[in-house]
Every structure is written in C-alpha cells, then in structure tokens.
Amino acid sequence: MASTTETAAVQAAAGPGAAAPAPRRTRLWRGATPWLFLLAPLTLLIVFTYAPIANMVAYSFTDWDGVSPELRYTGAENYTELFTRPDLFEVFWVSGYYLVASVVQIAAALYFATILSFNVRFRNFFKGVLFFPYLINGVAIGFVFLYFFQDGGTLDSVLGLFGVETDRAWLGTPESANTSLAAVSVWRYLGLNFVLFLGAIQSIPGELYEAAELDGANRWHQFRHIIAPGIKPVLSLTVILSISGSLSVFEIPYIMTGGATGTETFVIQTVKLAFQFNKTGLASAAAIVLLLIVLAVTWVQRRLVPDDKVDLA
C-alpha cells in the first residue's frame, strides 16, 4: 500500500505527461542482471586462474615436494637459488631459436594474409590449407614430425627424390634440433597469425582500395599506406603473443625430444623440477619468474610501440 502511494505521489509531482519511473525492485534487478551473467565466468576465472596463481606464489616460498602434506617456509631461498645458478637460466638461449622463428612466422602470415585478401583464384582453399595445422592436436603434430625428422624418415626420403643424399641426424645436435623444432612451431602457429591478419585486413573499408586504385596506387602502395597502418593494433598483438610464446615454449620440444640434445626450454625445466625432482617450491618460483619476465617484456613492448588509434579516413 505504501509503495502504491509513493508511486502515485511521484507521478503527480512529475506531471501528467511524464513517464512513471520504474519501481525500486525493478531498478535493483536491472542493476544486478549484468553481474548475474558475469557470475559464472568470474567464478571459473577465480577458481581456475587467480586461485592457482595465489597458491603458486605461496608455494614458491616453501620447500614443498608436491607430495608431502607438510611444507616448510623458506623465505626467498628458492628465488636466491634461481638467480645464483646460471644453469637454470641458460635454457633461455633456446628461446632465441623460437624468437627468430616467430619473426619468420609473422612475416609469412602477413604475406599470405595480404595476398589472399585480394581477389585471387582458390583463395578459400588456401585459407583452409594455411589454417588447418592450427586445428591439429599438438601431441599428434609432435609424433608426426618426430618420424618426419628421424634418420631415413620422411624428410630424408623427400630429399633423396631430388638427389640430395644426407645422413644428418636432424635431432642429433642442439643447433639442428632446435632449428627443426622451431620450424615445426612456425608451421603449426602460422595459421593463427594468418587469421588475425586476414580479419584485420578485411575490416578495412573497401572504398579506400578503390580510391587508391583511382590514384594509380599499386599493390605495394596499398599495403604500405592502407594495410600496414590499418592492422597496426593486430600486429602489435601478434608480436606480444610471439615473444611470450617464445619464452614459454613447451609442447613441441617436450613431445619430440623431451628436452634432450640441448632443446630444453625454461618451461620443460620447470616441469622437471616439479615432477621429476620433486622440487615443487623451486618450480613454483621459476614459474613466477617466467610470468614476471613475460609481463615485463609485454610492458616494454607496449611502451615502445603504443597502441595508437588508427584513423584511415
């Protein structure tokens, strides 16, 4: 009864032509509805992302072996061991191979995305061919290329068809093994960058290309003055993903070599510390250090190449 009287009073004060405001309960439901939709994803994010990170930070200050129900607080001892043992950071040199490979990957993806954004024959077919490797399971890719690079395997057989005889062990030396593994990563993740670039290029208004053609601009001029500025935010994103991916490589080298022959990465080393040597506390500290390195590299990259607003009109 009170709410009805209150509503009538508000309507009388607002005048006969004004719309009646929504009841208080309706306003509360409207304000709570977005949070109800966000409740499930936020719960999953907290449970499976932020809570494990918090536990990992706590474990990094202990000597927990991952099995014992008891753990002992050791302060910054794990971090001290990480920064005083050069062998724990030498594996970052392996990331250099993947960093170089990511440059090749970005360049190739940008090239194919630019070519296939124009009206060429069989472009839908080539789009599928380029993106298909990214859909394949990483374990399957590792086993396929393990036979591809083995002695007398697929690669040696193909080279033999062209008269090239080789008894090289492609995964037998650190240089050739890391180069081979980096090439596999390029083949697998090329499709992801290709799709990102292609979507960014296709979002550029077509009128700009028509105006450029009327002005006599060729394909190179269109790429330089229209495509390159238009995809700058996506290019910046792919650079960040490539750098962070190069520092945290795990799947391909772990499946194909297990980190042997000088192919061990920082993540593989961290996994071995936790599950092979039962040093979960030290492995947690290593994971935290890797996370901080990736965040620092991302911050520096964003400072050097700010994400400016693109205006091609």
Foldseek 3Di string as FASTA:
>chain_A
DVQVVVQVVVCVVVDVVDDGDDDPVVVVCVVCVVVVVCVVVVVCCCVVPVVVLVVLVVLLQWQFLQPDPDIDGNGCVLVVVCVVDVVLVVQLVLLVLLLVLLVVLLVVLLVLLLVLLDDDPPSVVVLCVQQVLQPDDLLVLLVVVLQCQAAVHVVQVVCVVVVDHDRDRQCQAQVSNSNSLSVSVSSRCSSVSNVLLNVQQNVFDPVVVVVCVVVVDDSVSCCVQPSCLSCVVVSLVSSLVSSLCSQQPDRNCCNNPVCPNSNDHSNSVLVCVRPVVSRSNSSSVSVVVSVVVSVVVSVVSCVVPPPDDRDSD
